[in-house]
Amino acid sequence: MLVLTRKAQESVVVGGTNGCEHVVKVTVLEVNGGKVRLGFEADANIPVNRQEVWEQIVANGPRPPPTPVPAVPAAK
């Protein structure tokens, strides 16, 4: 496990070696008492989940993509 110390508004980048773009950027947004607020930046096709949600997904299998809802034509 890599352990880093960051202050508010400082970030950590995951990936991005060898000239590639970073995969995930994590920024410390706020530190308040015993809580830390983190912001995650990743491409829309990269899922970002809390661990307990990720464990449920792994245990139950991935959900199928949502069925698109047809657009309702605007009234004239």
N, C-alpha and C. Protein backbone atom coordinates (compact mmCIF):
# COMPACT_ATOMS: atom_id res chain seq x y z
N MET A 1 0.85 -1.17 0.00
CA MET A 1 0.00 0.00 0.00
C MET A 1 0.90 1.23 0.00
N LEU A 2 0.61 2.14 -0.90
CA LEU A 2 1.31 3.42 -0.94
C LEU A 2 0.57 4.38 -0.02
N VAL A 3 1.28 5.04 0.87
CA VAL A 3 0.68 6.00 1.80
C VAL A 3 1.26 7.37 1.48
N LEU A 4 0.37 8.33 1.21
CA LEU A 4 0.79 9.68 0.87
C LEU A 4 0.10 10.67 1.80
N THR A 5 0.75 11.78 2.03
CA THR A 5 0.14 12.87 2.79
C THR A 5 -0.18 13.99 1.80
N ARG A 6 -1.41 14.46 1.83
CA ARG A 6 -1.86 15.54 0.96
C ARG A 6 -2.62 16.54 1.79
N LYS A 7 -2.52 17.80 1.43
CA LYS A 7 -3.30 18.86 2.05
C LYS A 7 -4.49 19.18 1.17
N ALA A 8 -5.42 19.98 1.68
CA ALA A 8 -6.58 20.39 0.89
C ALA A 8 -6.11 21.01 -0.42
N GLN A 9 -6.80 20.66 -1.49
CA GLN A 9 -6.54 21.12 -2.86
C GLN A 9 -5.31 20.48 -3.49
N GLU A 10 -4.66 19.53 -2.84
CA GLU A 10 -3.57 18.79 -3.44
C GLU A 10 -4.13 17.48 -4.01
N SER A 11 -3.46 16.95 -5.03
CA SER A 11 -3.99 15.80 -5.76
C SER A 11 -2.98 14.67 -5.84
N VAL A 12 -3.50 13.51 -6.22
CA VAL A 12 -2.71 12.33 -6.54
C VAL A 12 -3.22 11.85 -7.89
N VAL A 13 -2.31 11.47 -8.78
CA VAL A 13 -2.69 10.98 -10.10
C VAL A 13 -2.35 9.51 -10.19
N VAL A 14 -3.29 8.70 -10.67
CA VAL A 14 -3.09 7.27 -10.86
C VAL A 14 -2.96 7.03 -12.36
N GLY A 15 -1.90 6.35 -12.75
CA GLY A 15 -1.63 6.12 -14.17
C GLY A 15 -0.90 7.30 -14.75
N GLY A 16 -0.87 7.38 -16.07
CA GLY A 16 -0.26 8.52 -16.72
C GLY A 16 1.24 8.46 -16.87
N THR A 17 1.82 7.28 -16.75
CA THR A 17 3.26 7.17 -16.97
C THR A 17 3.53 6.96 -18.45
N ASN A 18 4.76 7.12 -18.85
CA ASN A 18 5.19 6.92 -20.24
C ASN A 18 4.42 7.80 -21.23
N GLY A 19 4.13 9.03 -20.82
CA GLY A 19 3.47 9.98 -21.72
C GLY A 19 1.98 9.79 -21.88
N CYS A 20 1.37 8.84 -21.18
CA CYS A 20 -0.08 8.63 -21.27
C CYS A 20 -0.80 9.64 -20.39
N GLU A 21 -2.07 9.84 -20.69
CA GLU A 21 -2.87 10.67 -19.80
C GLU A 21 -3.14 9.91 -18.51
N HIS A 22 -3.40 10.66 -17.43
CA HIS A 22 -3.70 9.98 -16.17
C HIS A 22 -5.03 9.24 -16.29
N VAL A 23 -5.19 8.20 -15.50
CA VAL A 23 -6.41 7.41 -15.50
C VAL A 23 -7.39 7.98 -14.50
N VAL A 24 -6.91 8.27 -13.30
CA VAL A 24 -7.76 8.83 -12.24
C VAL A 24 -6.96 9.91 -11.51
N LYS A 25 -7.61 11.01 -11.25
CA LYS A 25 -7.02 12.08 -10.44
C LYS A 25 -7.88 12.22 -9.20
N VAL A 26 -7.24 12.13 -8.03
CA VAL A 26 -7.94 12.24 -6.75
C VAL A 26 -7.44 13.51 -6.06
N THR A 27 -8.38 14.39 -5.71
CA THR A 27 -8.03 15.66 -5.08
C THR A 27 -8.67 15.74 -3.71
N VAL A 28 -7.89 16.13 -2.71
CA VAL A 28 -8.42 16.38 -1.37
C VAL A 28 -9.17 17.71 -1.44
N LEU A 29 -10.48 17.67 -1.26
CA LEU A 29 -11.28 18.88 -1.34
C LEU A 29 -11.37 19.59 0.00
N GLU A 30 -11.50 18.80 1.07
CA GLU A 30 -11.70 19.40 2.39
C GLU A 30 -11.31 18.41 3.46
N VAL A 31 -10.73 18.91 4.52
CA VAL A 31 -10.45 18.11 5.71
C VAL A 31 -11.16 18.80 6.85
N ASN A 32 -12.08 18.06 7.51
CA ASN A 32 -12.89 18.66 8.57
C ASN A 32 -13.02 17.64 9.70
N GLY A 33 -12.28 17.86 10.78
CA GLY A 33 -12.31 16.91 11.89
C GLY A 33 -11.77 15.57 11.42
N GLY A 34 -12.54 14.53 11.60
CA GLY A 34 -12.13 13.19 11.20
C GLY A 34 -12.59 12.80 9.81
N LYS A 35 -13.12 13.75 9.02
CA LYS A 35 -13.61 13.44 7.68
C LYS A 35 -12.79 14.13 6.62
N VAL A 36 -12.60 13.43 5.52
CA VAL A 36 -11.88 13.97 4.37
C VAL A 36 -12.80 13.86 3.17
N ARG A 37 -13.00 14.96 2.45
CA ARG A 37 -13.79 14.93 1.21
C ARG A 37 -12.82 14.83 0.05
N LEU A 38 -13.04 13.84 -0.81
CA LEU A 38 -12.19 13.60 -1.97
C LEU A 38 -12.97 13.83 -3.24
N GLY A 39 -12.32 14.36 -4.24
CA GLY A 39 -12.91 14.49 -5.57
C GLY A 39 -12.17 13.58 -6.53
N PHE A 40 -12.91 12.87 -7.39
CA PHE A 40 -12.32 11.93 -8.33
C PHE A 40 -12.61 12.39 -9.75
N GLU A 41 -11.57 12.46 -10.57
CA GLU A 41 -11.73 12.79 -11.98
C GLU A 41 -11.26 11.59 -12.79
N ALA A 42 -12.15 11.08 -13.63
CA ALA A 42 -11.83 9.95 -14.50
C ALA A 42 -12.71 10.05 -15.73
N ASP A 43 -12.30 9.39 -16.81
CA ASP A 43 -13.15 9.35 -17.99
C ASP A 43 -14.49 8.71 -17.63
N ALA A 44 -15.53 9.07 -18.35
CA ALA A 44 -16.87 8.58 -18.06
C ALA A 44 -16.96 7.06 -18.16
N ASN A 45 -16.08 6.43 -18.94
CA ASN A 45 -16.14 4.97 -19.10
C ASN A 45 -15.38 4.22 -18.01
N ILE A 46 -14.80 4.95 -17.05
CA ILE A 46 -14.09 4.32 -15.94
C ILE A 46 -14.97 4.43 -14.70
N PRO A 47 -15.49 3.30 -14.20
CA PRO A 47 -16.35 3.37 -13.02
C PRO A 47 -15.54 3.72 -11.77
N VAL A 48 -16.11 4.57 -10.94
CA VAL A 48 -15.52 4.94 -9.66
C VAL A 48 -16.58 4.67 -8.61
N ASN A 49 -16.31 3.76 -7.68
CA ASN A 49 -17.29 3.34 -6.67
C ASN A 49 -16.66 3.31 -5.29
N ARG A 50 -17.51 3.50 -4.27
CA ARG A 50 -17.07 3.22 -2.91
C ARG A 50 -16.81 1.72 -2.81
N GLN A 51 -15.93 1.32 -1.91
CA GLN A 51 -15.56 -0.09 -1.83
C GLN A 51 -16.75 -0.99 -1.57
N GLU A 52 -17.66 -0.58 -0.67
CA GLU A 52 -18.80 -1.45 -0.37
C GLU A 52 -19.71 -1.63 -1.58
N VAL A 53 -19.82 -0.62 -2.42
CA VAL A 53 -20.61 -0.74 -3.66
C VAL A 53 -19.88 -1.66 -4.63
N TRP A 54 -18.57 -1.48 -4.76
CA TRP A 54 -17.78 -2.32 -5.64
C TRP A 54 -17.89 -3.79 -5.24
N GLU A 55 -17.85 -4.07 -3.91
CA GLU A 55 -17.97 -5.45 -3.43
C GLU A 55 -19.33 -6.04 -3.80
N GLN A 56 -20.40 -5.26 -3.73
CA GLN A 56 -21.72 -5.74 -4.14
C GLN A 56 -21.75 -6.05 -5.64
N ILE A 57 -21.14 -5.17 -6.43
CA ILE A 57 -21.09 -5.40 -7.88
C ILE A 57 -20.35 -6.69 -8.18
N VAL A 58 -19.21 -6.89 -7.52
CA VAL A 58 -18.42 -8.11 -7.75
C VAL A 58 -19.22 -9.34 -7.32
N ALA A 59 -19.89 -9.26 -6.18
CA ALA A 59 -20.64 -10.41 -5.66
C ALA A 59 -21.85 -10.74 -6.53
N ASN A 60 -22.53 -9.71 -7.06
CA ASN A 60 -23.77 -9.92 -7.80
C ASN A 60 -23.58 -9.90 -9.31
N GLY A 61 -22.41 -9.58 -9.77
CA GLY A 61 -22.17 -9.45 -11.20
C GLY A 61 -22.56 -8.05 -11.65
N PRO A 62 -21.97 -7.59 -12.74
CA PRO A 62 -22.28 -6.24 -13.21
C PRO A 62 -23.73 -6.13 -13.68
N ARG A 63 -24.31 -4.98 -13.46
CA ARG A 63 -25.67 -4.74 -13.93
C ARG A 63 -25.64 -4.47 -15.42
N PRO A 64 -26.68 -4.89 -16.14
CA PRO A 64 -26.72 -4.55 -17.58
C PRO A 64 -26.89 -3.05 -17.74
N PRO A 65 -26.46 -2.51 -18.88
CA PRO A 65 -26.64 -1.08 -19.08
C PRO A 65 -28.12 -0.71 -19.08
N PRO A 66 -28.45 0.50 -18.66
CA PRO A 66 -29.87 0.88 -18.61
C PRO A 66 -30.47 0.92 -20.01
N THR A 67 -31.75 0.58 -20.09
CA THR A 67 -32.46 0.62 -21.36
C THR A 67 -32.80 2.08 -21.67
N PRO A 68 -32.43 2.54 -22.87
CA PRO A 68 -32.73 3.94 -23.19
C PRO A 68 -34.24 4.17 -23.22
N VAL A 69 -34.66 5.29 -22.70
CA VAL A 69 -36.07 5.67 -22.72
C VAL A 69 -36.29 6.50 -23.97
N PRO A 70 -37.29 6.10 -24.81
CA PRO A 70 -37.52 6.86 -26.04
C PRO A 70 -37.93 8.29 -25.72
N ALA A 71 -37.45 9.20 -26.53
CA ALA A 71 -37.79 10.61 -26.34
C ALA A 71 -39.25 10.84 -26.71
N VAL A 72 -39.90 11.69 -25.95
CA VAL A 72 -41.30 12.05 -26.24
C VAL A 72 -41.25 13.30 -27.10
N PRO A 73 -41.91 13.25 -28.27
CA PRO A 73 -41.89 14.44 -29.12
C PRO A 73 -42.54 15.63 -28.43
N ALA A 74 -41.99 16.79 -28.66
CA ALA A 74 -42.52 18.01 -28.07
C ALA A 74 -43.88 18.32 -28.65
N ALA A 75 -44.78 18.83 -27.80
CA ALA A 75 -46.12 19.21 -28.26
C ALA A 75 -46.01 20.45 -29.12
N LYS A 76 -46.87 20.49 -30.17
CA LYS A 76 -46.84 21.67 -31.06
C LYS A 76 -47.97 22.61 -30.74
